Amino acid sequence: MLAIKKARKLIEADPQAANAVTLTDLVLALQNDHPFQLGKLYELEPKDFDLAVEIMLEWTLDRHYAKKTRLVDVVVKLAEERTQAD
């Protein structure tokens, strides 16, 4: 979550800055599952480009964790139902 936290601080510090706008657009695209023009990333300074890549990596990992959590919830519920049936 470090990149996501860094991005939040960067965006809050100057929401109108070009890098903040690009990162905002990226986060909105990830959140809403909308297309994002990758060319916008090439306009970023190298450190901000790296941050954008880190955000995408963290976002992907979080999706997998969310899916795992839903799986665990289903399994726990089924296990509880089995225990009650016994």
PDB file of N, CA and C in Angstrom:
ATOM      1  N   MET A   1       0.804  -1.204   0.000  1.00  0.00           N
ATOM      2  CA  MET A   1       0.000   0.000   0.000  1.00  0.00           C
ATOM      3  C   MET A   1       0.848   1.270   0.000  1.00  0.00           C
ATOM      4  N   LEU A   2       2.121   1.128  -0.054  1.00  0.00           N
ATOM      5  CA  LEU A   2       2.995   2.289   0.020  1.00  0.00           C
ATOM      6  C   LEU A   2       2.796   3.213  -1.181  1.00  0.00           C
ATOM      7  N   ALA A   3       2.697   2.662  -2.384  1.00  0.00           N
ATOM      8  CA  ALA A   3       2.534   3.494  -3.581  1.00  0.00           C
ATOM      9  C   ALA A   3       1.195   4.219  -3.559  1.00  0.00           C
ATOM     10  N   ILE A   4       0.166   3.542  -3.126  1.00  0.00           N
ATOM     11  CA  ILE A   4      -1.155   4.158  -3.077  1.00  0.00           C
ATOM     12  C   ILE A   4      -1.155   5.317  -2.076  1.00  0.00           C
ATOM     13  N   LYS A   5      -0.475   5.126  -0.957  1.00  0.00           N
ATOM     14  CA  LYS A   5      -0.373   6.192   0.036  1.00  0.00           C
ATOM     15  C   LYS A   5       0.450   7.361  -0.513  1.00  0.00           C
ATOM     16  N   LYS A   6       1.557   7.066  -1.198  1.00  0.00           N
ATOM     17  CA  LYS A   6       2.378   8.119  -1.803  1.00  0.00           C
ATOM     18  C   LYS A   6       1.569   8.911  -2.825  1.00  0.00           C
ATOM     19  N   ALA A   7       0.800   8.201  -3.632  1.00  0.00           N
ATOM     20  CA  ALA A   7      -0.009   8.862  -4.652  1.00  0.00           C
ATOM     21  C   ALA A   7      -1.043   9.782  -4.004  1.00  0.00           C
ATOM     22  N   ARG A   8      -1.670   9.314  -2.945  1.00  0.00           N
ATOM     23  CA  ARG A   8      -2.660  10.141  -2.254  1.00  0.00           C
ATOM     24  C   ARG A   8      -2.037  11.434  -1.762  1.00  0.00           C
ATOM     25  N   LYS A   9      -0.868  11.315  -1.147  1.00  0.00           N
ATOM     26  CA  LYS A   9      -0.197  12.514  -0.627  1.00  0.00           C
ATOM     27  C   LYS A   9       0.202  13.456  -1.759  1.00  0.00           C
ATOM     28  N   LEU A  10       0.699  12.902  -2.858  1.00  0.00           N
ATOM     29  CA  LEU A  10       1.095  13.713  -3.997  1.00  0.00           C
ATOM     30  C   LEU A  10      -0.106  14.446  -4.582  1.00  0.00           C
ATOM     31  N   ILE A  11      -1.211  13.749  -4.732  1.00  0.00           N
ATOM     32  CA  ILE A  11      -2.426  14.343  -5.303  1.00  0.00           C
ATOM     33  C   ILE A  11      -2.992  15.402  -4.364  1.00  0.00           C
ATOM     34  N   GLU A  12      -3.013  15.123  -3.068  1.00  0.00           N
ATOM     35  CA  GLU A  12      -3.532  16.095  -2.104  1.00  0.00           C
ATOM     36  C   GLU A  12      -2.672  17.355  -2.053  1.00  0.00           C
ATOM     37  N   ALA A  13      -1.366  17.197  -2.246  1.00  0.00           N
ATOM     38  CA  ALA A  13      -0.452  18.344  -2.162  1.00  0.00           C
ATOM     39  C   ALA A  13      -0.712  19.360  -3.273  1.00  0.00           C
ATOM     40  N   ASP A  14      -1.018  18.884  -4.489  1.00  0.00           N
ATOM     41  CA  ASP A  14      -1.267  19.792  -5.612  1.00  0.00           C
ATOM     42  C   ASP A  14      -2.140  19.085  -6.638  1.00  0.00           C
ATOM     43  N   PRO A  15      -3.450  19.046  -6.410  1.00  0.00           N
ATOM     44  CA  PRO A  15      -4.356  18.287  -7.273  1.00  0.00           C
ATOM     45  C   PRO A  15      -4.382  18.740  -8.729  1.00  0.00           C
ATOM     46  N   GLN A  16      -3.972  19.973  -8.991  1.00  0.00           N
ATOM     47  CA  GLN A  16      -4.014  20.502 -10.364  1.00  0.00           C
ATOM     48  C   GLN A  16      -2.728  20.235 -11.141  1.00  0.00           C
ATOM     49  N   ALA A  17      -1.688  19.758 -10.475  1.00  0.00           N
ATOM     50  CA  ALA A  17      -0.422  19.474 -11.161  1.00  0.00           C
ATOM     51  C   ALA A  17      -0.631  18.359 -12.185  1.00  0.00           C
ATOM     52  N   ALA A  18       0.112  18.423 -13.275  1.00  0.00           N
ATOM     53  CA  ALA A  18      -0.050  17.454 -14.367  1.00  0.00           C
ATOM     54  C   ALA A  18       0.145  16.018 -13.877  1.00  0.00           C
ATOM     55  N   ASN A  19       1.142  15.802 -13.030  1.00  0.00           N
ATOM     56  CA  ASN A  19       1.381  14.433 -12.546  1.00  0.00           C
ATOM     57  C   ASN A  19       0.232  13.962 -11.650  1.00  0.00           C
ATOM     58  N   ALA A  20      -0.336  14.861 -10.865  1.00  0.00           N
ATOM     59  CA  ALA A  20      -1.472  14.506 -10.002  1.00  0.00           C
ATOM     60  C   ALA A  20      -2.702  14.183 -10.843  1.00  0.00           C
ATOM     61  N   VAL A  21      -2.916  14.942 -11.895  1.00  0.00           N
ATOM     62  CA  VAL A  21      -4.056  14.687 -12.774  1.00  0.00           C
ATOM     63  C   VAL A  21      -3.917  13.321 -13.440  1.00  0.00           C
ATOM     64  N   THR A  22      -2.725  13.010 -13.922  1.00  0.00           N
ATOM     65  CA  THR A  22      -2.496  11.715 -14.574  1.00  0.00           C
ATOM     66  C   THR A  22      -2.693  10.572 -13.589  1.00  0.00           C
ATOM     67  N   LEU A  23      -2.158  10.703 -12.391  1.00  0.00           N
ATOM     68  CA  LEU A  23      -2.324   9.651 -11.392  1.00  0.00           C
ATOM     69  C   LEU A  23      -3.785   9.517 -10.969  1.00  0.00           C
ATOM     70  N   THR A  24      -4.476  10.642 -10.879  1.00  0.00           N
ATOM     71  CA  THR A  24      -5.912  10.603 -10.573  1.00  0.00           C
ATOM     72  C   THR A  24      -6.667   9.846 -11.652  1.00  0.00           C
ATOM     73  N   ASP A  25      -6.365  10.157 -12.902  1.00  0.00           N
ATOM     74  CA  ASP A  25      -7.017   9.463 -14.017  1.00  0.00           C
ATOM     75  C   ASP A  25      -6.714   7.964 -13.991  1.00  0.00           C
ATOM     76  N   LEU A  26      -5.479   7.631 -13.657  1.00  0.00           N
ATOM     77  CA  LEU A  26      -5.091   6.213 -13.582  1.00  0.00           C
ATOM     78  C   LEU A  26      -5.885   5.497 -12.496  1.00  0.00           C
ATOM     79  N   VAL A  27      -5.949   6.090 -11.319  1.00  0.00           N
ATOM     80  CA  VAL A  27      -6.666   5.473 -10.203  1.00  0.00           C
ATOM     81  C   VAL A  27      -8.154   5.328 -10.526  1.00  0.00           C
ATOM     82  N   LEU A  28      -8.731   6.352 -11.124  1.00  0.00           N
ATOM     83  CA  LEU A  28     -10.146   6.266 -11.502  1.00  0.00           C
ATOM     84  C   LEU A  28     -10.377   5.164 -12.532  1.00  0.00           C
ATOM     85  N   ALA A  29      -9.465   5.035 -13.476  1.00  0.00           N
ATOM     86  CA  ALA A  29      -9.593   3.979 -14.486  1.00  0.00           C
ATOM     87  C   ALA A  29      -9.488   2.602 -13.838  1.00  0.00           C
ATOM     88  N   LEU A  30      -8.557   2.448 -12.919  1.00  0.00           N
ATOM     89  CA  LEU A  30      -8.413   1.166 -12.226  1.00  0.00           C
ATOM     90  C   LEU A  30      -9.643   0.858 -11.383  1.00  0.00           C
ATOM     91  N   GLN A  31     -10.108   1.842 -10.648  1.00  0.00           N
ATOM     92  CA  GLN A  31     -11.249   1.648  -9.762  1.00  0.00           C
ATOM     93  C   GLN A  31     -12.524   1.315 -10.519  1.00  0.00           C
ATOM     94  N   ASN A  32     -12.736   2.007 -11.630  1.00  0.00           N
ATOM     95  CA  ASN A  32     -13.979   1.846 -12.383  1.00  0.00           C
ATOM     96  C   ASN A  32     -13.858   0.886 -13.557  1.00  0.00           C
ATOM     97  N   ASP A  33     -12.688   0.282 -13.685  1.00  0.00           N
ATOM     98  CA  ASP A  33     -12.433  -0.665 -14.776  1.00  0.00           C
ATOM     99  C   ASP A  33     -12.696  -0.010 -16.133  1.00  0.00           C
ATOM    100  N   HIS A  34     -12.174   1.211 -16.283  1.00  0.00           N
ATOM    101  CA  HIS A  34     -12.299   1.967 -17.524  1.00  0.00           C
ATOM    102  C   HIS A  34     -10.958   2.001 -18.236  1.00  0.00           C
ATOM    103  N   PRO A  35     -10.970   2.240 -19.530  1.00  0.00           N
ATOM    104  CA  PRO A  35      -9.707   2.356 -20.274  1.00  0.00           C
ATOM    105  C   PRO A  35      -8.877   3.547 -19.787  1.00  0.00           C
ATOM    106  N   PHE A  36      -7.576   3.415 -19.933  1.00  0.00           N
ATOM    107  CA  PHE A  36      -6.640   4.483 -19.584  1.00  0.00           C
ATOM    108  C   PHE A  36      -5.621   4.578 -20.709  1.00  0.00           C
ATOM    109  N   GLN A  37      -5.338   5.782 -21.165  1.00  0.00           N
ATOM    110  CA  GLN A  37      -4.364   5.977 -22.234  1.00  0.00           C
ATOM    111  C   GLN A  37      -2.961   5.852 -21.668  1.00  0.00           C
ATOM    112  N   LEU A  38      -2.289   4.765 -22.014  1.00  0.00           N
ATOM    113  CA  LEU A  38      -0.952   4.529 -21.479  1.00  0.00           C
ATOM    114  C   LEU A  38       0.034   5.618 -21.872  1.00  0.00           C
ATOM    115  N   GLY A  39      -0.225   6.280 -22.977  1.00  0.00           N
ATOM    116  CA  GLY A  39       0.652   7.366 -23.403  1.00  0.00           C
ATOM    117  C   GLY A  39       0.788   8.464 -22.365  1.00  0.00           C
ATOM    118  N   LYS A  40      -0.231   8.618 -21.522  1.00  0.00           N
ATOM    119  CA  LYS A  40      -0.164   9.627 -20.458  1.00  0.00           C
ATOM    120  C   LYS A  40       0.975   9.322 -19.487  1.00  0.00           C
ATOM    121  N   LEU A  41       1.257   8.035 -19.302  1.00  0.00           N
ATOM    122  CA  LEU A  41       2.322   7.658 -18.367  1.00  0.00           C
ATOM    123  C   LEU A  41       3.688   8.110 -18.861  1.00  0.00           C
ATOM    124  N   TYR A  42       3.872   8.122 -20.182  1.00  0.00           N
ATOM    125  CA  TYR A  42       5.163   8.513 -20.749  1.00  0.00           C
ATOM    126  C   TYR A  42       5.435  10.001 -20.585  1.00  0.00           C
ATOM    127  N   GLU A  43       4.423  10.777 -20.279  1.00  0.00           N
ATOM    128  CA  GLU A  43       4.597  12.204 -20.046  1.00  0.00           C
ATOM    129  C   GLU A  43       5.051  12.498 -18.620  1.00  0.00           C
ATOM    130  N   LEU A  44       4.998  11.500 -17.748  1.00  0.00           N
ATOM    131  CA  LEU A  44       5.392  11.681 -16.352  1.00  0.00           C
ATOM    132  C   LEU A  44       6.907  11.703 -16.201  1.00  0.00           C
ATOM    133  N   GLU A  45       7.348  12.375 -15.157  1.00  0.00           N
ATOM    134  CA  GLU A  45       8.758  12.301 -14.767  1.00  0.00           C
ATOM    135  C   GLU A  45       9.050  10.858 -14.359  1.00  0.00           C
ATOM    136  N   PRO A  46      10.298  10.412 -14.470  1.00  0.00           N
ATOM    137  CA  PRO A  46      10.610   9.005 -14.145  1.00  0.00           C
ATOM    138  C   PRO A  46      10.122   8.553 -12.768  1.00  0.00           C
ATOM    139  N   LYS A  47      10.261   9.395 -11.737  1.00  0.00           N
ATOM    140  CA  LYS A  47       9.833   8.974 -10.391  1.00  0.00           C
ATOM    141  C   LYS A  47       8.309   8.802 -10.333  1.00  0.00           C
ATOM    142  N   ASP A  48       7.587   9.659 -11.046  1.00  0.00           N
ATOM    143  CA  ASP A  48       6.129   9.542 -11.069  1.00  0.00           C
ATOM    144  C   ASP A  48       5.680   8.376 -11.945  1.00  0.00           C
ATOM    145  N   PHE A  49       6.433   8.105 -13.007  1.00  0.00           N
ATOM    146  CA  PHE A  49       6.160   6.932 -13.843  1.00  0.00           C
ATOM    147  C   PHE A  49       6.314   5.670 -12.993  1.00  0.00           C
ATOM    148  N   ASP A  50       7.409   5.602 -12.243  1.00  0.00           N
ATOM    149  CA  ASP A  50       7.633   4.450 -11.357  1.00  0.00           C
ATOM    150  C   ASP A  50       6.501   4.318 -10.342  1.00  0.00           C
ATOM    151  N   LEU A  51       6.039   5.441  -9.819  1.00  0.00           N
ATOM    152  CA  LEU A  51       4.931   5.427  -8.865  1.00  0.00           C
ATOM    153  C   LEU A  51       3.674   4.872  -9.525  1.00  0.00           C
ATOM    154  N   ALA A  52       3.401   5.268 -10.762  1.00  0.00           N
ATOM    155  CA  ALA A  52       2.233   4.770 -11.483  1.00  0.00           C
ATOM    156  C   ALA A  52       2.319   3.253 -11.670  1.00  0.00           C
ATOM    157  N   VAL A  53       3.490   2.757 -11.998  1.00  0.00           N
ATOM    158  CA  VAL A  53       3.671   1.311 -12.163  1.00  0.00           C
ATOM    159  C   VAL A  53       3.459   0.601 -10.824  1.00  0.00           C
ATOM    160  N   GLU A  54       3.984   1.180  -9.752  1.00  0.00           N
ATOM    161  CA  GLU A  54       3.794   0.606  -8.415  1.00  0.00           C
ATOM    162  C   GLU A  54       2.310   0.583  -8.036  1.00  0.00           C
ATOM    163  N   ILE A  55       1.593   1.643  -8.383  1.00  0.00           N
ATOM    164  CA  ILE A  55       0.153   1.693  -8.102  1.00  0.00           C
ATOM    165  C   ILE A  55      -0.544   0.540  -8.808  1.00  0.00           C
ATOM    166  N   MET A  56      -0.217   0.337 -10.080  1.00  0.00           N
ATOM    167  CA  MET A  56      -0.854  -0.750 -10.840  1.00  0.00           C
ATOM    168  C   MET A  56      -0.529  -2.110 -10.235  1.00  0.00           C
ATOM    169  N   LEU A  57       0.704  -2.291  -9.791  1.00  0.00           N
ATOM    170  CA  LEU A  57       1.093  -3.556  -9.163  1.00  0.00           C
ATOM    171  C   LEU A  57       0.323  -3.763  -7.866  1.00  0.00           C
ATOM    172  N   GLU A  58       0.277  -2.746  -7.012  1.00  0.00           N
ATOM    173  CA  GLU A  58      -0.461  -2.865  -5.758  1.00  0.00           C
ATOM    174  C   GLU A  58      -1.944  -3.116  -6.021  1.00  0.00           C
ATOM    175  N   TRP A  59      -2.487  -2.447  -7.036  1.00  0.00           N
ATOM    176  CA  TRP A  59      -3.901  -2.607  -7.363  1.00  0.00           C
ATOM    177  C   TRP A  59      -4.178  -4.049  -7.764  1.00  0.00           C
ATOM    178  N   THR A  60      -3.282  -4.622  -8.556  1.00  0.00           N
ATOM    179  CA  THR A  60      -3.439  -6.005  -8.997  1.00  0.00           C
ATOM    180  C   THR A  60      -3.365  -6.957  -7.799  1.00  0.00           C
ATOM    181  N   LEU A  61      -2.406  -6.727  -6.921  1.00  0.00           N
ATOM    182  CA  LEU A  61      -2.273  -7.574  -5.737  1.00  0.00           C
ATOM    183  C   LEU A  61      -3.512  -7.471  -4.857  1.00  0.00           C
ATOM    184  N   ASP A  62      -4.027  -6.255  -4.693  1.00  0.00           N
ATOM    185  CA  ASP A  62      -5.227  -6.062  -3.879  1.00  0.00           C
ATOM    186  C   ASP A  62      -6.422  -6.799  -4.459  1.00  0.00           C
ATOM    187  N   ARG A  63      -6.535  -6.830  -5.779  1.00  0.00           N
ATOM    188  CA  ARG A  63      -7.638  -7.567  -6.406  1.00  0.00           C
ATOM    189  C   ARG A  63      -7.555  -9.046  -6.065  1.00  0.00           C
ATOM    190  N   HIS A  64      -6.330  -9.569  -6.113  1.00  0.00           N
ATOM    191  CA  HIS A  64      -6.161 -10.979  -5.783  1.00  0.00           C
ATOM    192  C   HIS A  64      -6.500 -11.236  -4.313  1.00  0.00           C
ATOM    193  N   TYR A  65      -6.104 -10.310  -3.435  1.00  0.00           N
ATOM    194  CA  TYR A  65      -6.427 -10.462  -2.024  1.00  0.00           C
ATOM    195  C   TYR A  65      -7.927 -10.389  -1.801  1.00  0.00           C
ATOM    196  N   ALA A  66      -8.592  -9.507  -2.530  1.00  0.00           N
ATOM    197  CA  ALA A  66     -10.048  -9.385  -2.395  1.00  0.00           C
ATOM    198  C   ALA A  66     -10.722 -10.686  -2.830  1.00  0.00           C
ATOM    199  N   LYS A  67     -10.236 -11.274  -3.909  1.00  0.00           N
ATOM    200  CA  LYS A  67     -10.806 -12.539  -4.379  1.00  0.00           C
ATOM    201  C   LYS A  67     -10.556 -13.640  -3.344  1.00  0.00           C
ATOM    202  N   LYS A  68      -9.373 -13.614  -2.739  1.00  0.00           N
ATOM    203  CA  LYS A  68      -9.046 -14.608  -1.720  1.00  0.00           C
ATOM    204  C   LYS A  68      -9.970 -14.433  -0.521  1.00  0.00           C
ATOM    205  N   THR A  69     -10.226 -13.210  -0.131  1.00  0.00           N
ATOM    206  CA  THR A  69     -11.108 -12.942   1.005  1.00  0.00           C
ATOM    207  C   THR A  69     -12.508 -13.468   0.729  1.00  0.00           C
ATOM    208  N   ARG A  70     -13.003 -13.241  -0.486  1.00  0.00           N
ATOM    209  CA  ARG A  70     -14.339 -13.747  -0.829  1.00  0.00           C
ATOM    210  C   ARG A  70     -14.358 -15.269  -0.794  1.00  0.00           C
ATOM    211  N   LEU A  71     -13.281 -15.904  -1.275  1.00  0.00           N
ATOM    212  CA  LEU A  71     -13.189 -17.364  -1.241  1.00  0.00           C
ATOM    213  C   LEU A  71     -13.211 -17.862   0.200  1.00  0.00           C
ATOM    214  N   VAL A  72     -12.433 -17.232   1.052  1.00  0.00           N
ATOM    215  CA  VAL A  72     -12.381 -17.634   2.458  1.00  0.00           C
ATOM    216  C   VAL A  72     -13.757 -17.453   3.100  1.00  0.00           C
ATOM    217  N   ASP A  73     -14.439 -16.363   2.792  1.00  0.00           N
ATOM    218  CA  ASP A  73     -15.780 -16.133   3.336  1.00  0.00           C
ATOM    219  C   ASP A  73     -16.736 -17.267   2.948  1.00  0.00           C
ATOM    220  N   VAL A  74     -16.696 -17.673   1.693  1.00  0.00           N
ATOM    221  CA  VAL A  74     -17.569 -18.750   1.213  1.00  0.00           C
ATOM    222  C   VAL A  74     -17.235 -20.060   1.905  1.00  0.00           C
ATOM    223  N   VAL A  75     -15.950 -20.351   2.003  1.00  0.00           N
ATOM    224  CA  VAL A  75     -15.518 -21.602   2.621  1.00  0.00           C
ATOM    225  C   VAL A  75     -15.909 -21.640   4.100  1.00  0.00           C
ATOM    226  N   VAL A  76     -15.710 -20.542   4.802  1.00  0.00           N
ATOM    227  CA  VAL A  76     -16.070 -20.488   6.223  1.00  0.00           C
ATOM    228  C   VAL A  76     -17.567 -20.674   6.386  1.00  0.00           C
ATOM    229  N   LYS A  77     -18.342 -20.026   5.546  1.00  0.00           N
ATOM    230  CA  LYS A  77     -19.800 -20.161   5.624  1.00  0.00           C
ATOM    231  C   LYS A  77     -20.226 -21.608   5.392  1.00  0.00           C
ATOM    232  N   LEU A  78     -19.640 -22.248   4.392  1.00  0.00           N
ATOM    233  CA  LEU A  78     -19.974 -23.647   4.118  1.00  0.00           C
ATOM    234  C   LEU A  78     -19.552 -24.556   5.269  1.00  0.00           C
ATOM    235  N   ALA A  79     -18.401 -24.288   5.844  1.00  0.00           N
ATOM    236  CA  ALA A  79     -17.939 -25.087   6.976  1.00  0.00           C
ATOM    237  C   ALA A  79     -18.880 -24.935   8.163  1.00  0.00           C
ATOM    238  N   GLU A  80     -19.351 -23.720   8.400  1.00  0.00           N
ATOM    239  CA  GLU A  80     -20.298 -23.483   9.496  1.00  0.00           C
ATOM    240  C   GLU A  80     -21.614 -24.213   9.247  1.00  0.00           C
ATOM    241  N   GLU A  81     -22.066 -24.182   8.005  1.00  0.00           N
ATOM    242  CA  GLU A  81     -23.304 -24.871   7.659  1.00  0.00           C
ATOM    243  C   GLU A  81     -23.160 -26.381   7.850  1.00  0.00           C
ATOM    244  N   ARG A  82     -22.000 -26.919   7.486  1.00  0.00           N
ATOM    245  CA  ARG A  82     -21.754 -28.359   7.684  1.00  0.00           C
ATOM    246  C   ARG A  82     -21.754 -28.713   9.159  1.00  0.00           C
ATOM    247  N   THR A  83     -21.126 -27.845   9.970  1.00  0.00           N
ATOM    248  CA  THR A  83     -21.057 -28.098  11.410  1.00  0.00           C
ATOM    249  C   THR A  83     -22.452 -28.076  12.016  1.00  0.00           C
ATOM    250  N   GLN A  84     -23.281 -27.147  11.576  1.00  0.00           N
ATOM    251  CA  GLN A  84     -24.630 -27.067  12.094  1.00  0.00           C
ATOM    252  C   GLN A  84     -25.473 -28.268  11.664  1.00  0.00           C
ATOM    253  N   ALA A  85     -25.188 -28.798  10.492  1.00  0.00           N
ATOM    254  CA  ALA A  85     -25.953 -29.953   9.976  1.00  0.00           C
ATOM    255  C   ALA A  85     -25.580 -31.250  10.705  1.00  0.00           C
ATOM    256  N   ASP A  86     -24.381 -31.298  11.273  1.00  0.00           N
ATOM    257  CA  ASP A  86     -23.933 -32.531  11.967  1.00  0.00           C
ATOM    258  C   ASP A  86     -24.556 -32.701  13.297  1.00  0.00           C
TER     259      ASP A  86
END
